[in-house]
């Protein structure tokens, strides 16, 4: 039986208005990312900018 890897990502449902979603889809496409990847990137950048990331995560994302 193959060893299962631990998934460190958490799934959740996001409700977002159509105009915002369209803008994120366009932005993601422009940067060659998936919509999910773009949202994760934007959240990570915002958390970093506002000093909300735990210290070890800040070191890994520099």
PDB file of N, CA and C in Angstrom:
ATOM      1  N   UNK A   1       0.850  -1.191   0.000  1.00  0.00           N
ATOM      2  CA  UNK A   1       0.000   0.000   0.000  1.00  0.00           C
ATOM      3  C   UNK A   1       0.890   1.248   0.000  1.00  0.00           C
ATOM      4  N   UNK A   2       0.652   2.211  -0.917  1.00  0.00           N
ATOM      5  CA  UNK A   2       1.498   3.405  -0.973  1.00  0.00           C
ATOM      6  C   UNK A   2       1.330   4.277   0.271  1.00  0.00           C
ATOM      7  N   UNK A   3       2.433   4.881   0.675  1.00  0.00           N
ATOM      8  CA  UNK A   3       2.411   5.777   1.826  1.00  0.00           C
ATOM      9  C   UNK A   3       1.707   7.073   1.435  1.00  0.00           C
ATOM     10  N   UNK A   4       0.720   7.477   2.211  1.00  0.00           N
ATOM     11  CA  UNK A   4      -0.014   8.714   1.915  1.00  0.00           C
ATOM     12  C   UNK A   4       0.789   9.912   2.386  1.00  0.00           C
ATOM     13  N   UNK A   5       0.795  10.947   1.568  1.00  0.00           N
ATOM     14  CA  UNK A   5       1.466  12.184   1.963  1.00  0.00           C
ATOM     15  C   UNK A   5       0.467  13.095   2.648  1.00  0.00           C
ATOM     16  N   UNK A   6       0.963  13.842   3.582  1.00  0.00           N
ATOM     17  CA  UNK A   6       0.108  14.768   4.320  1.00  0.00           C
ATOM     18  C   UNK A   6      -0.190  15.990   3.464  1.00  0.00           C
ATOM     19  N   UNK A   7      -1.473  16.302   3.282  1.00  0.00           N
ATOM     20  CA  UNK A   7      -1.880  17.484   2.530  1.00  0.00           C
ATOM     21  C   UNK A   7      -1.888  18.671   3.487  1.00  0.00           C
ATOM     22  N   UNK A   8      -1.031  19.638   3.236  1.00  0.00           N
ATOM     23  CA  UNK A   8      -0.925  20.797   4.117  1.00  0.00           C
ATOM     24  C   UNK A   8      -1.858  21.926   3.688  1.00  0.00           C
ATOM     25  N   UNK A   9      -2.624  21.720   2.639  1.00  0.00           N
ATOM     26  CA  UNK A   9      -3.564  22.736   2.178  1.00  0.00           C
ATOM     27  C   UNK A   9      -4.955  22.426   2.700  1.00  0.00           C
ATOM     28  N   UNK A  10      -5.682  23.468   3.022  1.00  0.00           N
ATOM     29  CA  UNK A  10      -7.028  23.331   3.533  1.00  0.00           C
ATOM     30  C   UNK A  10      -8.003  23.814   2.461  1.00  0.00           C
ATOM     31  N   UNK A  11      -9.047  23.062   2.228  1.00  0.00           N
ATOM     32  CA  UNK A  11     -10.056  23.437   1.230  1.00  0.00           C
ATOM     33  C   UNK A  11     -11.212  24.168   1.900  1.00  0.00           C
ATOM     34  N   UNK A  12     -11.787  25.117   1.161  1.00  0.00           N
ATOM     35  CA  UNK A  12     -12.981  25.805   1.646  1.00  0.00           C
ATOM     36  C   UNK A  12     -13.727  26.395   0.454  1.00  0.00           C
ATOM     37  N   UNK A  13     -14.977  26.713   0.679  1.00  0.00           N
ATOM     38  CA  UNK A  13     -15.812  27.302  -0.368  1.00  0.00           C
ATOM     39  C   UNK A  13     -15.683  28.820  -0.277  1.00  0.00           C
ATOM     40  N   UNK A  14     -15.519  29.457  -1.425  1.00  0.00           N
ATOM     41  CA  UNK A  14     -15.418  30.911  -1.484  1.00  0.00           C
ATOM     42  C   UNK A  14     -16.523  31.440  -2.379  1.00  0.00           C
ATOM     43  N   UNK A  15     -17.329  32.308  -1.843  1.00  0.00           N
ATOM     44  CA  UNK A  15     -18.364  32.962  -2.646  1.00  0.00           C
ATOM     45  C   UNK A  15     -17.828  34.341  -3.021  1.00  0.00           C
ATOM     46  N   UNK A  16     -17.860  34.616  -4.313  1.00  0.00           N
ATOM     47  CA  UNK A  16     -17.266  35.850  -4.809  1.00  0.00           C
ATOM     48  C   UNK A  16     -18.128  36.388  -5.949  1.00  0.00           C
ATOM     49  N   UNK A  17     -18.263  37.695  -6.022  1.00  0.00           N
ATOM     50  CA  UNK A  17     -19.121  38.258  -7.065  1.00  0.00           C
ATOM     51  C   UNK A  17     -18.486  38.059  -8.441  1.00  0.00           C
ATOM     52  N   UNK A  18     -19.306  38.087  -9.461  1.00  0.00           N
ATOM     53  CA  UNK A  18     -18.884  37.786 -10.829  1.00  0.00           C
ATOM     54  C   UNK A  18     -17.808  38.735 -11.341  1.00  0.00           C
ATOM     55  N   UNK A  19     -17.961  40.017 -11.095  1.00  0.00           N
ATOM     56  CA  UNK A  19     -16.970  40.987 -11.590  1.00  0.00           C
ATOM     57  C   UNK A  19     -15.593  40.747 -10.985  1.00  0.00           C
ATOM     58  N   UNK A  20     -15.557  40.478  -9.683  1.00  0.00           N
ATOM     59  CA  UNK A  20     -14.287  40.202  -9.017  1.00  0.00           C
ATOM     60  C   UNK A  20     -13.671  38.917  -9.553  1.00  0.00           C
ATOM     61  N   UNK A  21     -14.495  37.893  -9.733  1.00  0.00           N
ATOM     62  CA  UNK A  21     -14.000  36.617 -10.250  1.00  0.00           C
ATOM     63  C   UNK A  21     -13.439  36.785 -11.654  1.00  0.00           C
ATOM     64  N   UNK A  22     -14.119  37.543 -12.487  1.00  0.00           N
ATOM     65  CA  UNK A  22     -13.629  37.789 -13.843  1.00  0.00           C
ATOM     66  C   UNK A  22     -12.272  38.493 -13.821  1.00  0.00           C
ATOM     67  N   UNK A  23     -12.130  39.462 -12.923  1.00  0.00           N
ATOM     68  CA  UNK A  23     -10.863  40.190 -12.812  1.00  0.00           C
ATOM     69  C   UNK A  23      -9.744  39.261 -12.339  1.00  0.00           C
ATOM     70  N   UNK A  24     -10.035  38.383 -11.380  1.00  0.00           N
ATOM     71  CA  UNK A  24      -9.030  37.441 -10.881  1.00  0.00           C
ATOM     72  C   UNK A  24      -8.666  36.428 -11.964  1.00  0.00           C
ATOM     73  N   UNK A  25      -9.645  35.954 -12.705  1.00  0.00           N
ATOM     74  CA  UNK A  25      -9.371  35.015 -13.803  1.00  0.00           C
ATOM     75  C   UNK A  25      -8.446  35.649 -14.842  1.00  0.00           C
ATOM     76  N   UNK A  26      -8.692  36.890 -15.199  1.00  0.00           N
ATOM     77  CA  UNK A  26      -7.864  37.593 -16.177  1.00  0.00           C
ATOM     78  C   UNK A  26      -6.450  37.780 -15.646  1.00  0.00           C
ATOM     79  N   UNK A  27      -6.350  38.222 -14.398  1.00  0.00           N
ATOM     80  CA  UNK A  27      -5.056  38.452 -13.767  1.00  0.00           C
ATOM     81  C   UNK A  27      -4.268  37.140 -13.689  1.00  0.00           C
ATOM     82  N   UNK A  28      -4.923  36.063 -13.278  1.00  0.00           N
ATOM     83  CA  UNK A  28      -4.276  34.752 -13.192  1.00  0.00           C
ATOM     84  C   UNK A  28      -3.760  34.332 -14.567  1.00  0.00           C
ATOM     85  N   UNK A  29      -4.568  34.510 -15.578  1.00  0.00           N
ATOM     86  CA  UNK A  29      -4.171  34.153 -16.936  1.00  0.00           C
ATOM     87  C   UNK A  29      -2.964  34.976 -17.391  1.00  0.00           C
ATOM     88  N   UNK A  30      -2.980  36.259 -17.087  1.00  0.00           N
ATOM     89  CA  UNK A  30      -1.869  37.140 -17.449  1.00  0.00           C
ATOM     90  C   UNK A  30      -0.553  36.697 -16.804  1.00  0.00           C
ATOM     91  N   UNK A  31      -0.636  36.108 -15.612  1.00  0.00           N
ATOM     92  CA  UNK A  31       0.559  35.698 -14.877  1.00  0.00           C
ATOM     93  C   UNK A  31       0.803  34.188 -14.954  1.00  0.00           C
ATOM     94  N   UNK A  32       0.079  33.509 -15.856  1.00  0.00           N
ATOM     95  CA  UNK A  32       0.235  32.069 -16.073  1.00  0.00           C
ATOM     96  C   UNK A  32       0.038  31.261 -14.793  1.00  0.00           C
ATOM     97  N   UNK A  33      -0.994  31.626 -14.029  1.00  0.00           N
ATOM     98  CA  UNK A  33      -1.357  30.902 -12.813  1.00  0.00           C
ATOM     99  C   UNK A  33      -2.793  30.413 -12.944  1.00  0.00           C
ATOM    100  N   UNK A  34      -3.125  29.425 -12.139  1.00  0.00           N
ATOM    101  CA  UNK A  34      -4.522  29.025 -12.013  1.00  0.00           C
ATOM    102  C   UNK A  34      -5.213  30.075 -11.142  1.00  0.00           C
ATOM    103  N   UNK A  35      -6.529  30.096 -11.168  1.00  0.00           N
ATOM    104  CA  UNK A  35      -7.270  31.023 -10.313  1.00  0.00           C
ATOM    105  C   UNK A  35      -6.954  30.713  -8.853  1.00  0.00           C
ATOM    106  N   UNK A  36      -6.942  29.435  -8.499  1.00  0.00           N
ATOM    107  CA  UNK A  36      -6.621  29.036  -7.138  1.00  0.00           C
ATOM    108  C   UNK A  36      -5.218  29.522  -6.758  1.00  0.00           C
ATOM    109  N   UNK A  37      -4.260  29.330  -7.651  1.00  0.00           N
ATOM    110  CA  UNK A  37      -2.897  29.780  -7.398  1.00  0.00           C
ATOM    111  C   UNK A  37      -2.807  31.282  -7.241  1.00  0.00           C
ATOM    112  N   UNK A  38      -3.574  32.011  -8.042  1.00  0.00           N
ATOM    113  CA  UNK A  38      -3.568  33.476  -7.971  1.00  0.00           C
ATOM    114  C   UNK A  38      -4.143  33.957  -6.646  1.00  0.00           C
ATOM    115  N   UNK A  39      -5.250  33.366  -6.223  1.00  0.00           N
ATOM    116  CA  UNK A  39      -5.864  33.762  -4.949  1.00  0.00           C
ATOM    117  C   UNK A  39      -4.908  33.453  -3.799  1.00  0.00           C
ATOM    118  N   UNK A  40      -4.276  32.272  -3.821  1.00  0.00           N
ATOM    119  CA  UNK A  40      -3.323  31.901  -2.773  1.00  0.00           C
ATOM    120  C   UNK A  40      -2.145  32.882  -2.767  1.00  0.00           C
ATOM    121  N   UNK A  41      -1.646  33.242  -3.956  1.00  0.00           N
ATOM    122  CA  UNK A  41      -0.538  34.188  -4.068  1.00  0.00           C
ATOM    123  C   UNK A  41      -0.933  35.551  -3.477  1.00  0.00           C
ATOM    124  N   UNK A  42      -2.098  36.050  -3.842  1.00  0.00           N
ATOM    125  CA  UNK A  42      -2.555  37.356  -3.354  1.00  0.00           C
ATOM    126  C   UNK A  42      -2.737  37.356  -1.835  1.00  0.00           C
ATOM    127  N   UNK A  43      -3.309  36.283  -1.310  1.00  0.00           N
ATOM    128  CA  UNK A  43      -3.486  36.192   0.140  1.00  0.00           C
ATOM    129  C   UNK A  43      -2.134  36.145   0.846  1.00  0.00           C
ATOM    130  N   UNK A  44      -1.211  35.356   0.304  1.00  0.00           N
ATOM    131  CA  UNK A  44       0.116  35.249   0.899  1.00  0.00           C
ATOM    132  C   UNK A  44       0.828  36.604   0.896  1.00  0.00           C
ATOM    133  N   UNK A  45       0.763  37.323  -0.220  1.00  0.00           N
ATOM    134  CA  UNK A  45       1.397  38.638  -0.311  1.00  0.00           C
ATOM    135  C   UNK A  45       0.792  39.617   0.689  1.00  0.00           C
ATOM    136  N   UNK A  46      -0.518  39.582   0.837  1.00  0.00           N
ATOM    137  CA  UNK A  46      -1.190  40.472   1.782  1.00  0.00           C
ATOM    138  C   UNK A  46      -0.812  40.136   3.226  1.00  0.00           C
ATOM    139  N   UNK A  47      -0.770  38.849   3.535  1.00  0.00           N
ATOM    140  CA  UNK A  47      -0.379  38.432   4.886  1.00  0.00           C
ATOM    141  C   UNK A  47       1.058  38.851   5.193  1.00  0.00           C
ATOM    142  N   UNK A  48       1.945  38.680   4.210  1.00  0.00           N
ATOM    143  CA  UNK A  48       3.344  39.062   4.386  1.00  0.00           C
ATOM    144  C   UNK A  48       3.460  40.572   4.608  1.00  0.00           C
ATOM    145  N   UNK A  49       2.786  41.344   3.762  1.00  0.00           N
ATOM    146  CA  UNK A  49       2.841  42.808   3.828  1.00  0.00           C
ATOM    147  C   UNK A  49       2.364  43.333   5.181  1.00  0.00           C
ATOM    148  N   UNK A  50       1.385  42.658   5.760  1.00  0.00           N
ATOM    149  CA  UNK A  50       0.792  43.116   7.008  1.00  0.00           C
ATOM    150  C   UNK A  50       1.345  42.414   8.248  1.00  0.00           C
ATOM    151  N   UNK A  51       2.428  41.654   8.067  1.00  0.00           N
ATOM    152  CA  UNK A  51       3.076  41.007   9.205  1.00  0.00           C
ATOM    153  C   UNK A  51       2.224  39.957   9.885  1.00  0.00           C
ATOM    154  N   UNK A  52       1.397  39.275   9.122  1.00  0.00           N
ATOM    155  CA  UNK A  52       0.474  38.288   9.690  1.00  0.00           C
ATOM    156  C   UNK A  52       0.927  36.841   9.528  1.00  0.00           C
ATOM    157  N   UNK A  53       2.055  36.616   8.827  1.00  0.00           N
ATOM    158  CA  UNK A  53       2.542  35.252   8.655  1.00  0.00           C
ATOM    159  C   UNK A  53       3.367  34.842   9.861  1.00  0.00           C
ATOM    160  N   UNK A  54       3.287  33.567  10.260  1.00  0.00           N
ATOM    161  CA  UNK A  54       4.192  33.094  11.321  1.00  0.00           C
ATOM    162  C   UNK A  54       5.638  33.255  10.859  1.00  0.00           C
ATOM    163  N   UNK A  55       6.564  33.430  11.774  1.00  0.00           N
ATOM    164  CA  UNK A  55       7.974  33.694  11.460  1.00  0.00           C
ATOM    165  C   UNK A  55       8.572  32.659  10.520  1.00  0.00           C
ATOM    166  N   UNK A  56       8.333  31.356  10.749  1.00  0.00           N
ATOM    167  CA  UNK A  56       8.933  30.331   9.886  1.00  0.00           C
ATOM    168  C   UNK A  56       8.405  30.401   8.461  1.00  0.00           C
ATOM    169  N   UNK A  57       7.141  30.750   8.266  1.00  0.00           N
ATOM    170  CA  UNK A  57       6.568  30.882   6.921  1.00  0.00           C
ATOM    171  C   UNK A  57       7.176  32.088   6.206  1.00  0.00           C
ATOM    172  N   UNK A  58       7.433  33.183   6.921  1.00  0.00           N
ATOM    173  CA  UNK A  58       8.042  34.370   6.310  1.00  0.00           C
ATOM    174  C   UNK A  58       9.424  34.047   5.770  1.00  0.00           C
ATOM    175  N   UNK A  59      10.183  33.243   6.481  1.00  0.00           N
ATOM    176  CA  UNK A  59      11.530  32.884   6.043  1.00  0.00           C
ATOM    177  C   UNK A  59      11.483  32.039   4.777  1.00  0.00           C
ATOM    178  N   UNK A  60      10.512  31.134   4.679  1.00  0.00           N
ATOM    179  CA  UNK A  60      10.412  30.234   3.527  1.00  0.00           C
ATOM    180  C   UNK A  60       9.937  30.930   2.266  1.00  0.00           C
ATOM    181  N   UNK A  61       9.216  32.047   2.383  1.00  0.00           N
ATOM    182  CA  UNK A  61       8.626  32.690   1.223  1.00  0.00           C
ATOM    183  C   UNK A  61       9.449  33.878   0.714  1.00  0.00           C
ATOM    184  N   UNK A  62      10.600  34.133   1.271  1.00  0.00           N
ATOM    185  CA  UNK A  62      11.426  35.258   0.805  1.00  0.00           C
ATOM    186  C   UNK A  62      12.123  34.950  -0.477  1.00  0.00           C
TER     187      UNK A  62
END
